[in-house]
Structure formats: structure tokens, C-alpha cells
C-alpha atoms as a PDB file:
ATOM      1  CA  MET A   1      50.873  54.208   5.282  1.00  0.00           C
ATOM      2  CA  LYS A   2      53.805  52.121   4.027  1.00  0.00           C
ATOM      3  CA  SER A   3      53.513  49.960   0.923  1.00  0.00           C
ATOM      4  CA  ILE A   4      54.108  46.219   1.469  1.00  0.00           C
ATOM      5  CA  ILE A   5      54.541  45.374  -2.174  1.00  0.00           C
ATOM      6  CA  THR A   6      57.985  44.051  -2.975  1.00  0.00           C
ATOM      7  CA  LEU A   7      59.633  44.168  -6.356  1.00  0.00           C
ATOM      8  CA  PRO A   8      61.182  41.053  -7.853  1.00  0.00           C
ATOM      9  CA  THR A   9      64.938  40.879  -7.497  1.00  0.00           C
ATOM     10  CA  THR A  10      65.533  39.052 -10.720  1.00  0.00           C
ATOM     11  CA  SER A  11      64.489  39.709 -14.279  1.00  0.00           C
ATOM     12  CA  GLN A  12      63.353  36.070 -14.580  1.00  0.00           C
ATOM     13  CA  ALA A  13      60.344  36.896 -12.322  1.00  0.00           C
ATOM     14  CA  LEU A  14      59.368  39.659 -14.680  1.00  0.00           C
ATOM     15  CA  ALA A  15      59.674  37.493 -17.739  1.00  0.00           C
ATOM     16  CA  PHE A  16      56.957  35.015 -16.603  1.00  0.00           C
ATOM     17  CA  ASP A  17      54.377  34.865 -19.371  1.00  0.00           C
ATOM     18  CA  GLY A  18      51.996  32.358 -17.849  1.00  0.00           C
ATOM     19  CA  GLU A  19      53.084  29.444 -20.041  1.00  0.00           C
ATOM     20  CA  PRO A  20      54.565  26.236 -18.616  1.00  0.00           C
ATOM     21  CA  SER A  21      58.368  25.882 -18.913  1.00  0.00           C
ATOM     22  CA  ASP A  22      60.023  23.098 -20.861  1.00  0.00           C
ATOM     23  CA  ALA A  23      60.712  21.193 -17.649  1.00  0.00           C
ATOM     24  CA  GLU A  24      57.024  21.432 -16.639  1.00  0.00           C
ATOM     25  CA  LEU A  25      55.919  20.191 -20.060  1.00  0.00           C
ATOM     26  CA  LYS A  26      58.309  17.279 -19.879  1.00  0.00           C
ATOM     27  CA  ALA A  27      56.935  16.336 -16.421  1.00  0.00           C
ATOM     28  CA  ILE A  28      53.395  16.482 -17.756  1.00  0.00           C
ATOM     29  CA  GLU A  29      54.371  14.329 -20.703  1.00  0.00           C
ATOM     30  CA  LEU A  30      55.972  11.815 -18.363  1.00  0.00           C
ATOM     31  CA  GLU A  31      52.799  11.633 -16.252  1.00  0.00           C
ATOM     32  CA  MET A  32      50.360  11.560 -19.232  1.00  0.00           C
ATOM     33  CA  PRO A  33      49.803   7.770 -19.208  1.00  0.00           C
ATOM     34  CA  LEU A  34      48.741   7.997 -15.547  1.00  0.00           C
ATOM     35  CA  ILE A  35      46.533  10.989 -16.183  1.00  0.00           C
ATOM     36  CA  GLU A  36      44.795   9.230 -19.052  1.00  0.00           C
ATOM     37  CA  ALA A  37      44.267   6.080 -16.919  1.00  0.00           C
ATOM     38  CA  GLU A  38      42.766   8.162 -14.145  1.00  0.00           C
ATOM     39  CA  VAL A  39      40.437   9.906 -16.581  1.00  0.00           C
ATOM     40  CA  ASP A  40      39.347   6.541 -17.994  1.00  0.00           C
ATOM     41  CA  LEU A  41      38.639   5.332 -14.446  1.00  0.00           C
ATOM     42  CA  LEU A  42      36.588   8.439 -13.756  1.00  0.00           C
ATOM     43  CA  ASP A  43      34.628   7.922 -17.037  1.00  0.00           C
ATOM     44  CA  VAL A  44      33.791   4.352 -16.031  1.00  0.00           C
ATOM     45  CA  GLU A  45      32.692   5.423 -12.549  1.00  0.00           C
ATOM     46  CA  ILE A  46      30.520   8.196 -14.003  1.00  0.00           C
ATOM     47  CA  MET A  47      28.807   5.727 -16.279  1.00  0.00           C
ATOM     48  CA  THR A  48      27.621   3.719 -13.321  1.00  0.00           C
ATOM     49  CA  LEU A  49      26.275   6.656 -11.220  1.00  0.00           C
ATOM     50  CA  ASP A  50      22.748   6.702 -12.626  1.00  0.00           C
ATOM     51  CA  ARG A  51      22.072   2.957 -12.778  1.00  0.00           C
ATOM     52  CA  PRO A  52      22.805  -0.180 -10.810  1.00  0.00           C
ATOM     53  CA  ALA A  53      26.256  -1.589 -11.573  1.00  0.00           C
ATOM     54  CA  THR A  54      26.197  -4.759 -13.634  1.00  0.00           C
ATOM     55  CA  GLU A  55      28.830  -7.473 -13.653  1.00  0.00           C
ATOM     56  CA  LEU A  56      30.211  -5.896 -16.833  1.00  0.00           C
ATOM     57  CA  ASP A  57      30.423  -2.523 -15.113  1.00  0.00           C
ATOM     58  CA  ALA A  58      32.255  -4.096 -12.164  1.00  0.00           C
ATOM     59  CA  ARG A  59      34.767  -5.629 -14.585  1.00  0.00           C
ATOM     60  CA  ARG A  60      35.256  -2.278 -16.358  1.00  0.00           C
ATOM     61  CA  ILE A  61      35.879  -0.519 -13.019  1.00  0.00           C
ATOM     62  CA  ARG A  62      38.239  -3.247 -11.874  1.00  0.00           C
ATOM     63  CA  ARG A  63      40.167  -3.130 -15.156  1.00  0.00           C
ATOM     64  CA  ALA A  64      40.382   0.710 -15.028  1.00  0.00           C
ATOM     65  CA  ARG A  65      41.612   0.623 -11.400  1.00  0.00           C
ATOM     66  CA  ASN A  66      44.220  -1.980 -12.275  1.00  0.00           C
ATOM     67  CA  ARG A  67      45.385   0.168 -15.188  1.00  0.00           C
ATOM     68  CA  VAL A  68      45.757   3.186 -12.824  1.00  0.00           C
ATOM     69  CA  LEU A  69      47.870   1.034 -10.442  1.00  0.00           C
ATOM     70  CA  VAL A  70      50.038  -0.203 -13.273  1.00  0.00           C
ATOM     71  CA  GLU A  71      50.602   3.342 -14.563  1.00  0.00           C
ATOM     72  CA  ARG A  72      51.439   4.564 -11.069  1.00  0.00           C
ATOM     73  CA  ARG A  73      53.985   1.771 -10.692  1.00  0.00           C
ATOM     74  CA  ASN A  74      55.509   2.526 -14.102  1.00  0.00           C
ATOM     75  CA  LEU A  75      55.757   6.268 -13.298  1.00  0.00           C
ATOM     76  CA  THR A  76      57.416   5.497  -9.929  1.00  0.00           C
ATOM     77  CA  ASN A  77      59.883   3.187 -11.593  1.00  0.00           C
ATOM     78  CA  ARG A  78      60.699   5.712 -14.373  1.00  0.00           C
ATOM     79  CA  ALA A  79      61.229   8.428 -11.754  1.00  0.00           C
ATOM     80  CA  ALA A  80      63.533   6.133  -9.730  1.00  0.00           C
ATOM     81  CA  VAL A  81      65.575   5.255 -12.816  1.00  0.00           C
ATOM     82  CA  GLN A  82      65.936   8.888 -13.797  1.00  0.00           C
ATOM     83  CA  SER A  83      67.045   9.871 -10.303  1.00  0.00           C
ATOM     84  CA  GLY A  84      69.483   6.985 -10.086  1.00  0.00           C
ATOM     85  CA  GLY A  85      67.671   5.163  -7.287  1.00  0.00           C
ATOM     86  CA  ALA A  86      66.099   1.765  -7.211  1.00  0.00           C
ATOM     87  CA  ALA A  87      62.333   1.230  -6.799  1.00  0.00           C
END
């Protein structure tokens, strides 16, 4: 039986240590405000799972959704500016 395992052709593939690269860390840092807004929205939604939603809960959810939308817009605009395009 023939082996189907292929060896990497570059030494870079062998040097992978499981840690994110600098570019990946920078991308995560750029997306962090959106990630935090989405986590906050999830927290608010989880709070209302075991009880009827009050008017205050509805406002919290609406405010959290609006924050997510704002952060998505900001991230899109930052990405467009960095790539040289217009959003």
C-alpha cells in the first residue's frame, strides 16, 4: 500500500507552533469592539431567557443590537479606509 502523506515543501509549514501570527492578532484587535458588542448582546439575551421580557429588557436588547450595528459599520469603514476603497 502506498502512503498518501505528503511532506511540506517549505520550512514555514514546519515552524507552525499553534500561536496566532502578528497579522492575525492585529485583525483580532481590529475586530475586538464588534466582538465585545456581540458578547454584550448575547448577555442581554441570555438574561431574558428564563423570565418574561420587561420594557427595560426590551430597551437593553435594542440598545445592544444598535451597538452591534454601529460597531459593524465602524469595522466596515475602517477596513475600507485601510484597503483604499470607499464605504
